[in-house]
Amino acid sequence: MLAVAVTACGGGDDNPTTPTPTPQGPANLVIEDLTVGTGAEATGGRLLTVNYVLYLYDPAGNGGRGRQLEGPAQFPFRQGTNAVIRGFELGTAGMLVGGIRRITIPPDLGYPGGQGEIPPNSWIVFDVQLVSVVD
């Protein structure tokens, strides 16, 4: 895990009581099929293996993708067992092997308090490819 120290520097707003605006993103979970797969379906209780890349959400970025935080990486998890954040669980449900999805996750379905390089109240974006499904 990467620890970051932040120090104050001069410049900027002279009013220290001006709050930092909360980043904004879609109101709800957004699931986009970039490629529809043709293999087995991701359903509850099945072991899924996915390739993924994680980004911070940036409305000005390509597909809402901002700074890349993780990946590309491969990750196995059992669907429907709360082994992953709720937005990832919902976003991968019903995928077919070979499919690729972009999942934009609001803070309440991701990491509302932040985690690692993900600041509190941040939207995140996963690009996910379903590699395999095993019972």
Protein backbone atom coordinates (compact mmCIF):
# COMPACT_ATOMS: atom_id res chain seq x y z
CA MET A 1 0.00 0.00 0.00
CA LEU A 2 1.25 3.49 -0.81
CA ALA A 3 1.15 6.10 1.92
CA VAL A 4 0.98 9.73 0.86
CA ALA A 5 1.75 12.73 3.03
CA VAL A 6 0.13 16.02 2.15
CA THR A 7 1.55 19.35 3.26
CA ALA A 8 0.03 22.78 2.94
CA CYS A 9 1.63 25.26 0.58
CA GLY A 10 0.98 28.88 -0.16
CA GLY A 11 -1.35 30.15 -2.82
CA GLY A 12 -4.89 29.24 -3.66
CA ASP A 13 -8.01 30.51 -1.95
CA ASP A 14 -7.43 33.03 0.83
CA ASN A 15 -10.65 31.92 2.55
CA PRO A 16 -9.79 28.84 4.66
CA THR A 17 -13.49 28.13 5.33
CA THR A 18 -14.32 27.51 1.65
CA PRO A 19 -15.13 23.77 1.49
CA THR A 20 -13.52 21.58 -1.11
CA PRO A 21 -16.25 20.54 -3.58
CA THR A 22 -17.24 16.88 -3.49
CA PRO A 23 -16.46 15.16 -6.80
CA GLN A 24 -19.60 14.29 -8.72
CA GLY A 25 -20.45 11.31 -10.85
CA PRO A 26 -23.46 9.33 -12.00
CA ALA A 27 -26.24 9.05 -9.42
CA ASN A 28 -26.40 5.27 -9.74
CA LEU A 29 -24.34 2.29 -10.79
CA VAL A 30 -23.61 2.41 -14.54
CA ILE A 31 -23.00 -0.88 -16.38
CA GLU A 32 -21.89 -0.73 -20.02
CA ASP A 33 -21.33 -3.84 -22.10
CA LEU A 34 -18.38 -3.04 -24.37
CA THR A 35 -18.30 -6.62 -25.71
CA VAL A 36 -21.00 -9.20 -25.03
CA GLY A 37 -19.51 -12.60 -24.28
CA THR A 38 -20.68 -15.95 -25.61
CA GLY A 39 -19.67 -18.34 -22.81
CA ALA A 40 -20.99 -19.36 -19.40
CA GLU A 41 -22.98 -16.83 -17.35
CA ALA A 42 -21.78 -15.23 -14.09
CA THR A 43 -24.42 -16.18 -11.53
CA GLY A 44 -24.57 -16.43 -7.75
CA GLY A 45 -22.32 -18.98 -6.08
CA ARG A 46 -20.11 -19.55 -9.13
CA LEU A 47 -16.36 -18.91 -9.09
CA LEU A 48 -15.52 -16.12 -11.54
CA THR A 49 -12.09 -15.16 -12.82
CA VAL A 50 -11.85 -11.65 -14.24
CA ASN A 51 -9.21 -9.42 -15.74
CA TYR A 52 -9.69 -5.84 -14.57
CA VAL A 53 -8.30 -2.32 -14.56
CA LEU A 54 -9.40 0.16 -11.87
CA TYR A 55 -9.59 3.93 -12.45
CA LEU A 56 -10.77 6.95 -10.53
CA TYR A 57 -13.83 8.45 -12.20
CA ASP A 58 -13.21 11.59 -14.24
CA PRO A 59 -16.10 12.99 -16.28
CA ALA A 60 -13.58 14.54 -18.70
CA GLY A 61 -11.75 11.23 -19.22
CA ASN A 62 -12.30 8.68 -21.98
CA GLY A 63 -15.31 6.65 -20.83
CA GLY A 64 -15.26 8.45 -17.48
CA ARG A 65 -11.86 6.97 -16.72
CA GLY A 66 -9.39 9.13 -14.84
CA ARG A 67 -6.13 8.10 -13.21
CA GLN A 68 -5.42 4.37 -13.35
CA LEU A 69 -5.09 2.88 -9.85
CA GLU A 70 -4.71 -0.87 -10.41
CA GLY A 71 -4.22 -3.42 -13.14
CA PRO A 72 -4.30 -4.88 -15.52
CA ALA A 73 -4.68 -7.76 -13.07
CA GLN A 74 -6.52 -11.05 -12.79
CA PHE A 75 -8.79 -11.75 -9.84
CA PRO A 76 -10.91 -14.78 -8.83
CA PHE A 77 -13.99 -14.39 -6.60
CA ARG A 78 -17.20 -16.24 -5.84
CA GLN A 79 -20.24 -14.34 -7.17
CA GLY A 80 -22.98 -13.61 -4.65
CA THR A 81 -20.91 -14.07 -1.48
CA ASN A 82 -20.03 -10.42 -0.70
CA ALA A 83 -16.36 -11.18 -1.41
CA VAL A 84 -16.05 -7.90 -3.35
CA ILE A 85 -17.57 -4.42 -3.11
CA ARG A 86 -21.28 -4.26 -3.85
CA GLY A 87 -20.87 -2.28 -7.10
CA PHE A 88 -18.44 -4.87 -8.51
CA GLU A 89 -20.77 -7.70 -7.48
CA LEU A 90 -23.77 -6.07 -9.17
CA GLY A 91 -21.74 -4.99 -12.18
CA THR A 92 -20.43 -8.45 -13.01
CA ALA A 93 -23.71 -10.34 -12.46
CA GLY A 94 -25.05 -11.79 -15.69
CA MET A 95 -21.83 -11.32 -17.67
CA LEU A 96 -20.93 -14.03 -20.15
CA VAL A 97 -17.39 -15.42 -20.49
CA GLY A 98 -15.49 -13.36 -23.05
CA GLY A 99 -17.54 -10.26 -22.25
CA ILE A 100 -16.05 -6.89 -21.36
CA ARG A 101 -17.88 -4.35 -19.19
CA ARG A 102 -17.20 -0.87 -17.93
CA ILE A 103 -18.67 -0.47 -14.45
CA THR A 104 -18.93 3.04 -12.96
CA ILE A 105 -19.51 2.73 -9.24
CA PRO A 106 -20.80 5.49 -6.93
CA PRO A 107 -19.19 5.82 -3.48
CA ASP A 108 -22.03 4.10 -1.60
CA LEU A 109 -21.48 0.91 -3.65
CA GLY A 110 -17.70 1.16 -3.55
CA TYR A 111 -15.47 2.67 -0.88
CA PRO A 112 -17.46 5.51 0.76
CA GLY A 113 -14.72 6.13 3.34
CA GLY A 114 -11.93 5.72 0.77
CA GLN A 115 -9.29 3.00 0.61
CA GLY A 116 -5.64 3.18 -0.38
CA GLU A 117 -5.37 5.65 -3.27
CA ILE A 118 -9.16 6.02 -3.51
CA PRO A 119 -10.22 9.20 -1.68
CA PRO A 120 -13.42 9.22 0.40
CA ASN A 121 -16.63 9.85 -1.58
CA SER A 122 -15.02 8.91 -4.90
CA TRP A 123 -16.61 7.29 -7.91
CA ILE A 124 -14.51 4.52 -9.42
CA VAL A 125 -14.51 2.81 -12.82
CA PHE A 126 -13.66 -0.81 -13.53
CA ASP A 127 -13.01 -2.22 -16.99
CA VAL A 128 -13.68 -5.95 -16.51
CA GLN A 129 -13.29 -8.95 -18.80
CA LEU A 130 -14.88 -12.22 -17.65
CA VAL A 131 -12.29 -14.95 -18.25
CA SER A 132 -13.94 -18.02 -16.72
CA VAL A 133 -16.90 -19.30 -14.71
CA VAL A 134 -16.67 -22.48 -12.64
CA ASP A 135 -19.41 -24.09 -10.49
